[in-house]
Amino acid sequence: MNAPPSSPPSGTSAPSASANRPRSLADLFISFTLLALQGFGGVLAIVQREIVDRKRWLTQEEFIEDWAVAQIMPGPNVVNLSLMIGGRHFGVPGALAALAGLLTVPLVLVIGLAVLHDRFADNPVVAGALHGMAAVCAGLIGAAGLRLASALKKSPMPLSWCLAIAAAGFILVAFLKCPLPWVLFGLGGLGCVLTYRRLAT
């Protein structure tokens, strides 16, 4: 029988409602290292699969909420998420362990790949491989977005409003080239106000 989760360290948020949690700082470090090594070109799909589906450290709803906060905060989204998950269960040491796992090995690999790319960037085989990887990453991100969209069923806002905000965000970023912070705070603020008014009625 699993022991009940211990109380979170002082100053951190409550643990996830999901049944599982990281076993130790080493578990956090290794898990985020493996996660980072899979995230070539984009990690949203990988993070969701590992954290929600396989390890079950977060429920689908918790992941969407945390990912939304991570996107608004300055810095890379997955770095922010790793700090949130590590800090939630083990405080500052957990946040640092998750961050170290996310960055240490990939940093070494990226430096090595940068050296190789500098020498072989003009090779047609290398250029073609990079273009192929970009297409695969775009597909992974699109698939992850479709899976996250399932949470809209539980949103207080009508589905038509959610789709309208999503479409507006896509148009502003993809076609009108609006700065992402403006879109996030503008449409995100609008979504918060509309949701608050729906909940208040």
C-alpha atoms as a PDB file:
ATOM      1  CA  MET A   1       0.000   0.000   0.000  1.00  0.00           C
ATOM      2  CA  ASN A   2       1.389   3.412  -0.926  1.00  0.00           C
ATOM      3  CA  ALA A   3       2.044   5.799   1.882  1.00  0.00           C
ATOM      4  CA  PRO A   4      -0.083   8.964   1.848  1.00  0.00           C
ATOM      5  CA  PRO A   5       1.638  12.006   0.347  1.00  0.00           C
ATOM      6  CA  SER A   6       3.493  14.112   2.845  1.00  0.00           C
ATOM      7  CA  SER A   7       2.584  17.736   3.432  1.00  0.00           C
ATOM      8  CA  PRO A   8       4.174  20.191   1.016  1.00  0.00           C
ATOM      9  CA  PRO A   9       7.106  22.246   2.238  1.00  0.00           C
ATOM     10  CA  SER A  10       6.269  25.618   3.682  1.00  0.00           C
ATOM     11  CA  GLY A  11       5.790  28.285   1.050  1.00  0.00           C
ATOM     12  CA  THR A  12       4.824  25.895  -1.777  1.00  0.00           C
ATOM     13  CA  SER A  13       1.471  25.101  -3.309  1.00  0.00           C
ATOM     14  CA  ALA A  14      -0.478  21.960  -2.477  1.00  0.00           C
ATOM     15  CA  PRO A  15       0.475  18.690  -4.191  1.00  0.00           C
ATOM     16  CA  SER A  16      -1.406  17.534  -7.239  1.00  0.00           C
ATOM     17  CA  ALA A  17      -4.748  15.801  -6.873  1.00  0.00           C
ATOM     18  CA  SER A  18      -3.340  13.022  -9.050  1.00  0.00           C
ATOM     19  CA  ALA A  19      -2.603   9.725  -7.307  1.00  0.00           C
ATOM     20  CA  ASN A  20       1.125   9.726  -8.082  1.00  0.00           C
ATOM     21  CA  ARG A  21       3.935  12.077  -7.178  1.00  0.00           C
ATOM     22  CA  PRO A  22       7.734  12.185  -7.631  1.00  0.00           C
ATOM     23  CA  ARG A  23       9.415   9.730  -5.278  1.00  0.00           C
ATOM     24  CA  SER A  24      12.541  11.771  -4.626  1.00  0.00           C
ATOM     25  CA  LEU A  25      14.787  14.532  -5.908  1.00  0.00           C
ATOM     26  CA  ALA A  26      16.647  11.926  -7.963  1.00  0.00           C
ATOM     27  CA  ASP A  27      13.349  10.837  -9.528  1.00  0.00           C
ATOM     28  CA  LEU A  28      12.652  14.444 -10.493  1.00  0.00           C
ATOM     29  CA  PHE A  29      16.128  14.901 -11.969  1.00  0.00           C
ATOM     30  CA  ILE A  30      16.072  11.686 -14.002  1.00  0.00           C
ATOM     31  CA  SER A  31      12.486  12.174 -15.194  1.00  0.00           C
ATOM     32  CA  PHE A  32      13.104  15.692 -16.477  1.00  0.00           C
ATOM     33  CA  THR A  33      16.398  14.628 -18.040  1.00  0.00           C
ATOM     34  CA  LEU A  34      14.628  11.899 -20.029  1.00  0.00           C
ATOM     35  CA  LEU A  35      11.842  14.317 -20.893  1.00  0.00           C
ATOM     36  CA  ALA A  36      14.304  16.920 -22.171  1.00  0.00           C
ATOM     37  CA  LEU A  37      16.138  14.385 -24.328  1.00  0.00           C
ATOM     38  CA  GLN A  38      12.895  13.631 -26.181  1.00  0.00           C
ATOM     39  CA  GLY A  39      11.915  17.237 -26.813  1.00  0.00           C
ATOM     40  CA  PHE A  40      13.599  18.016 -30.125  1.00  0.00           C
ATOM     41  CA  GLY A  41      12.061  21.192 -31.544  1.00  0.00           C
ATOM     42  CA  GLY A  42       9.132  21.358 -29.131  1.00  0.00           C
ATOM     43  CA  VAL A  43       8.264  19.682 -25.861  1.00  0.00           C
ATOM     44  CA  LEU A  44       4.541  20.262 -25.337  1.00  0.00           C
ATOM     45  CA  ALA A  45       3.490  16.857 -26.661  1.00  0.00           C
ATOM     46  CA  ILE A  46       6.308  15.109 -24.781  1.00  0.00           C
ATOM     47  CA  VAL A  47       5.619  16.895 -21.492  1.00  0.00           C
ATOM     48  CA  GLN A  48       1.923  16.065 -21.630  1.00  0.00           C
ATOM     49  CA  ARG A  49       2.548  12.399 -22.418  1.00  0.00           C
ATOM     50  CA  GLU A  50       5.189  11.929 -19.724  1.00  0.00           C
ATOM     51  CA  ILE A  51       3.718  14.017 -16.897  1.00  0.00           C
ATOM     52  CA  VAL A  52       0.008  13.286 -17.412  1.00  0.00           C
ATOM     53  CA  ASP A  53      -0.303   9.944 -19.226  1.00  0.00           C
ATOM     54  CA  ARG A  54       2.711   7.958 -18.019  1.00  0.00           C
ATOM     55  CA  LYS A  55       3.755   9.279 -14.618  1.00  0.00           C
ATOM     56  CA  ARG A  56       0.373  10.776 -13.680  1.00  0.00           C
ATOM     57  CA  TRP A  57       1.967  13.517 -11.607  1.00  0.00           C
ATOM     58  CA  LEU A  58      -0.763  15.862 -12.853  1.00  0.00           C
ATOM     59  CA  THR A  59      -4.296  15.375 -14.061  1.00  0.00           C
ATOM     60  CA  GLN A  60      -5.221  16.682 -17.494  1.00  0.00           C
ATOM     61  CA  GLU A  61      -6.964  19.691 -15.953  1.00  0.00           C
ATOM     62  CA  GLU A  62      -4.034  20.477 -13.652  1.00  0.00           C
ATOM     63  CA  PHE A  63      -1.606  20.239 -16.552  1.00  0.00           C
ATOM     64  CA  ILE A  64      -3.622  22.715 -18.620  1.00  0.00           C
ATOM     65  CA  GLU A  65      -3.808  25.152 -15.709  1.00  0.00           C
ATOM     66  CA  ASP A  66      -0.086  24.890 -14.930  1.00  0.00           C
ATOM     67  CA  TRP A  67       0.865  25.120 -18.602  1.00  0.00           C
ATOM     68  CA  ALA A  68      -1.236  28.283 -18.956  1.00  0.00           C
ATOM     69  CA  VAL A  69       0.605  29.861 -16.028  1.00  0.00           C
ATOM     70  CA  ALA A  70       3.962  28.702 -17.423  1.00  0.00           C
ATOM     71  CA  GLN A  71       3.185  30.379 -20.750  1.00  0.00           C
ATOM     72  CA  ILE A  72       2.385  33.712 -19.148  1.00  0.00           C
ATOM     73  CA  MET A  73       5.501  33.781 -16.972  1.00  0.00           C
ATOM     74  CA  PRO A  74       8.787  35.044 -18.483  1.00  0.00           C
ATOM     75  CA  GLY A  75      11.143  32.381 -19.785  1.00  0.00           C
ATOM     76  CA  PRO A  76      10.731  29.040 -21.588  1.00  0.00           C
ATOM     77  CA  ASN A  77       7.409  27.354 -20.833  1.00  0.00           C
ATOM     78  CA  VAL A  78       8.798  23.941 -19.932  1.00  0.00           C
ATOM     79  CA  VAL A  79      11.414  25.484 -17.627  1.00  0.00           C
ATOM     80  CA  ASN A  80       8.674  27.314 -15.760  1.00  0.00           C
ATOM     81  CA  LEU A  81       6.625  24.112 -15.564  1.00  0.00           C
ATOM     82  CA  SER A  82       9.560  22.108 -14.212  1.00  0.00           C
ATOM     83  CA  LEU A  83      10.103  24.688 -11.464  1.00  0.00           C
ATOM     84  CA  MET A  84       6.406  24.581 -10.567  1.00  0.00           C
ATOM     85  CA  ILE A  85       6.247  20.776 -10.375  1.00  0.00           C
ATOM     86  CA  GLY A  86       9.502  20.396  -8.459  1.00  0.00           C
ATOM     87  CA  GLY A  87       8.650  23.195  -6.049  1.00  0.00           C
ATOM     88  CA  ARG A  88       5.156  21.855  -5.436  1.00  0.00           C
ATOM     89  CA  HIS A  89       6.459  18.555  -4.052  1.00  0.00           C
ATOM     90  CA  PHE A  90       9.913  19.310  -2.614  1.00  0.00           C
ATOM     91  CA  GLY A  91      10.154  23.087  -2.317  1.00  0.00           C
ATOM     92  CA  VAL A  92      13.236  24.918  -3.564  1.00  0.00           C
ATOM     93  CA  PRO A  93      15.406  21.734  -3.722  1.00  0.00           C
ATOM     94  CA  GLY A  94      12.754  20.092  -5.900  1.00  0.00           C
ATOM     95  CA  ALA A  95      12.558  23.081  -8.227  1.00  0.00           C
ATOM     96  CA  LEU A  96      16.343  23.093  -8.622  1.00  0.00           C
ATOM     97  CA  ALA A  97      16.488  19.320  -9.180  1.00  0.00           C
ATOM     98  CA  ALA A  98      13.838  19.456 -11.902  1.00  0.00           C
ATOM     99  CA  LEU A  99      15.546  22.409 -13.553  1.00  0.00           C
ATOM    100  CA  ALA A 100      18.950  20.707 -13.439  1.00  0.00           C
ATOM    101  CA  GLY A 101      17.508  17.560 -14.995  1.00  0.00           C
ATOM    102  CA  LEU A 102      15.906  19.597 -17.738  1.00  0.00           C
ATOM    103  CA  LEU A 103      19.052  21.524 -18.659  1.00  0.00           C
ATOM    104  CA  THR A 104      22.243  19.627 -17.799  1.00  0.00           C
ATOM    105  CA  VAL A 105      22.467  16.802 -20.347  1.00  0.00           C
ATOM    106  CA  PRO A 106      20.687  18.714 -23.154  1.00  0.00           C
ATOM    107  CA  LEU A 107      23.110  21.608 -22.662  1.00  0.00           C
ATOM    108  CA  VAL A 108      26.082  19.302 -23.234  1.00  0.00           C
ATOM    109  CA  LEU A 109      24.414  17.766 -26.299  1.00  0.00           C
ATOM    110  CA  VAL A 110      23.475  21.140 -27.767  1.00  0.00           C
ATOM    111  CA  ILE A 111      27.035  22.392 -27.452  1.00  0.00           C
ATOM    112  CA  GLY A 112      28.287  19.271 -29.216  1.00  0.00           C
ATOM    113  CA  LEU A 113      25.643  19.546 -31.945  1.00  0.00           C
ATOM    114  CA  ALA A 114      26.465  23.226 -32.443  1.00  0.00           C
ATOM    115  CA  VAL A 115      30.085  22.316 -33.110  1.00  0.00           C
ATOM    116  CA  LEU A 116      29.040  19.627 -35.603  1.00  0.00           C
ATOM    117  CA  HIS A 117      26.503  21.906 -37.286  1.00  0.00           C
ATOM    118  CA  ASP A 118      29.140  24.575 -37.729  1.00  0.00           C
ATOM    119  CA  ARG A 119      31.243  22.084 -39.680  1.00  0.00           C
ATOM    120  CA  PHE A 120      28.516  20.333 -41.699  1.00  0.00           C
ATOM    121  CA  ALA A 121      25.759  22.965 -42.088  1.00  0.00           C
ATOM    122  CA  ASP A 122      26.326  23.193 -45.851  1.00  0.00           C
ATOM    123  CA  ASN A 123      25.854  19.466 -46.343  1.00  0.00           C
ATOM    124  CA  PRO A 124      22.561  18.853 -48.248  1.00  0.00           C
ATOM    125  CA  VAL A 125      21.856  15.725 -46.187  1.00  0.00           C
ATOM    126  CA  VAL A 126      22.093  17.695 -42.926  1.00  0.00           C
ATOM    127  CA  ALA A 127      19.888  20.495 -44.270  1.00  0.00           C
ATOM    128  CA  GLY A 128      17.259  18.024 -45.443  1.00  0.00           C
ATOM    129  CA  ALA A 129      17.258  16.225 -42.093  1.00  0.00           C
ATOM    130  CA  LEU A 130      16.671  19.499 -40.244  1.00  0.00           C
ATOM    131  CA  HIS A 131      13.740  20.385 -42.499  1.00  0.00           C
ATOM    132  CA  GLY A 132      12.220  16.966 -41.898  1.00  0.00           C
ATOM    133  CA  MET A 133      12.602  17.306 -38.134  1.00  0.00           C
ATOM    134  CA  ALA A 134      10.852  20.699 -38.249  1.00  0.00           C
ATOM    135  CA  ALA A 135       7.841  19.155 -40.012  1.00  0.00           C
ATOM    136  CA  VAL A 136       7.610  16.339 -37.466  1.00  0.00           C
ATOM    137  CA  CYS A 137       7.803  18.798 -34.555  1.00  0.00           C
ATOM    138  CA  ALA A 138       4.989  20.877 -36.055  1.00  0.00           C
ATOM    139  CA  GLY A 139       2.834  17.758 -36.257  1.00  0.00           C
ATOM    140  CA  LEU A 140       3.567  16.826 -32.639  1.00  0.00           C
ATOM    141  CA  ILE A 141       2.632  20.278 -31.408  1.00  0.00           C
ATOM    142  CA  GLY A 142      -0.581  20.240 -33.448  1.00  0.00           C
ATOM    143  CA  ALA A 143      -1.553  16.835 -32.055  1.00  0.00           C
ATOM    144  CA  ALA A 144      -0.887  18.000 -28.497  1.00  0.00           C
ATOM    145  CA  GLY A 145      -3.046  21.055 -29.081  1.00  0.00           C
ATOM    146  CA  LEU A 146      -5.942  18.878 -30.212  1.00  0.00           C
ATOM    147  CA  ARG A 147      -5.626  16.729 -27.090  1.00  0.00           C
ATOM    148  CA  LEU A 148      -5.573  19.779 -24.829  1.00  0.00           C
ATOM    149  CA  ALA A 149      -8.711  21.044 -26.548  1.00  0.00           C
ATOM    150  CA  SER A 150     -10.684  18.243 -24.864  1.00  0.00           C
ATOM    151  CA  ALA A 151     -10.559  20.257 -21.639  1.00  0.00           C
ATOM    152  CA  LEU A 152     -12.768  22.928 -23.240  1.00  0.00           C
ATOM    153  CA  LYS A 153     -15.762  20.698 -22.480  1.00  0.00           C
ATOM    154  CA  LYS A 154     -15.391  21.604 -18.790  1.00  0.00           C
ATOM    155  CA  SER A 155     -14.785  25.304 -19.373  1.00  0.00           C
ATOM    156  CA  PRO A 156     -17.351  27.695 -17.830  1.00  0.00           C
ATOM    157  CA  MET A 157     -17.344  29.596 -21.129  1.00  0.00           C
ATOM    158  CA  PRO A 158     -19.400  28.343 -24.080  1.00  0.00           C
ATOM    159  CA  LEU A 159     -17.389  26.383 -26.623  1.00  0.00           C
ATOM    160  CA  SER A 160     -18.107  28.996 -29.301  1.00  0.00           C
ATOM    161  CA  TRP A 161     -16.444  31.695 -27.175  1.00  0.00           C
ATOM    162  CA  CYS A 162     -13.372  29.492 -26.593  1.00  0.00           C
ATOM    163  CA  LEU A 163     -13.039  28.769 -30.294  1.00  0.00           C
ATOM    164  CA  ALA A 164     -13.438  32.447 -31.147  1.00  0.00           C
ATOM    165  CA  ILE A 165     -10.636  33.438 -28.743  1.00  0.00           C
ATOM    166  CA  ALA A 166      -8.403  30.651 -30.081  1.00  0.00           C
ATOM    167  CA  ALA A 167      -9.061  31.730 -33.681  1.00  0.00           C
ATOM    168  CA  ALA A 168      -8.370  35.355 -32.815  1.00  0.00           C
ATOM    169  CA  GLY A 169      -5.074  34.367 -31.203  1.00  0.00           C
ATOM    170  CA  PHE A 170      -4.028  32.383 -34.263  1.00  0.00           C
ATOM    171  CA  ILE A 171      -4.885  35.225 -36.639  1.00  0.00           C
ATOM    172  CA  LEU A 172      -3.108  37.857 -34.521  1.00  0.00           C
ATOM    173  CA  VAL A 173       0.090  35.819 -34.244  1.00  0.00           C
ATOM    174  CA  ALA A 174       0.249  33.992 -37.592  1.00  0.00           C
ATOM    175  CA  PHE A 175      -1.059  36.647 -39.978  1.00  0.00           C
ATOM    176  CA  LEU A 176      -0.916  40.033 -38.261  1.00  0.00           C
ATOM    177  CA  LYS A 177       2.427  39.285 -36.553  1.00  0.00           C
ATOM    178  CA  CYS A 178       1.324  40.813 -33.249  1.00  0.00           C
ATOM    179  CA  PRO A 179       3.800  40.443 -30.361  1.00  0.00           C
ATOM    180  CA  LEU A 180       2.980  37.338 -28.338  1.00  0.00           C
ATOM    181  CA  PRO A 181       2.860  39.145 -24.929  1.00  0.00           C
ATOM    182  CA  TRP A 182       0.152  41.469 -26.258  1.00  0.00           C
ATOM    183  CA  VAL A 183      -1.881  38.537 -27.509  1.00  0.00           C
ATOM    184  CA  LEU A 184      -1.461  36.564 -24.272  1.00  0.00           C
ATOM    185  CA  PHE A 185      -2.379  39.411 -21.979  1.00  0.00           C
ATOM    186  CA  GLY A 186      -5.077  40.778 -24.263  1.00  0.00           C
ATOM    187  CA  LEU A 187      -6.958  37.610 -25.159  1.00  0.00           C
ATOM    188  CA  GLY A 188      -5.981  35.909 -21.897  1.00  0.00           C
ATOM    189  CA  GLY A 189      -7.334  38.845 -19.916  1.00  0.00           C
ATOM    190  CA  LEU A 190     -10.517  38.798 -21.974  1.00  0.00           C
ATOM    191  CA  GLY A 191     -10.917  35.069 -21.289  1.00  0.00           C
ATOM    192  CA  CYS A 192     -10.408  35.609 -17.557  1.00  0.00           C
ATOM    193  CA  VAL A 193     -13.012  38.386 -17.451  1.00  0.00           C
ATOM    194  CA  LEU A 194     -15.577  36.378 -19.418  1.00  0.00           C
ATOM    195  CA  THR A 195     -15.001  33.284 -17.267  1.00  0.00           C
ATOM    196  CA  TYR A 196     -15.298  35.309 -14.057  1.00  0.00           C
ATOM    197  CA  ARG A 197     -18.584  36.831 -15.211  1.00  0.00           C
ATOM    198  CA  ARG A 198     -19.959  33.394 -16.137  1.00  0.00           C
ATOM    199  CA  LEU A 199     -18.995  31.980 -12.739  1.00  0.00           C
ATOM    200  CA  ALA A 200     -20.441  34.983 -10.923  1.00  0.00           C
ATOM    201  CA  THR A 201     -23.878  34.583 -12.504  1.00  0.00           C
END
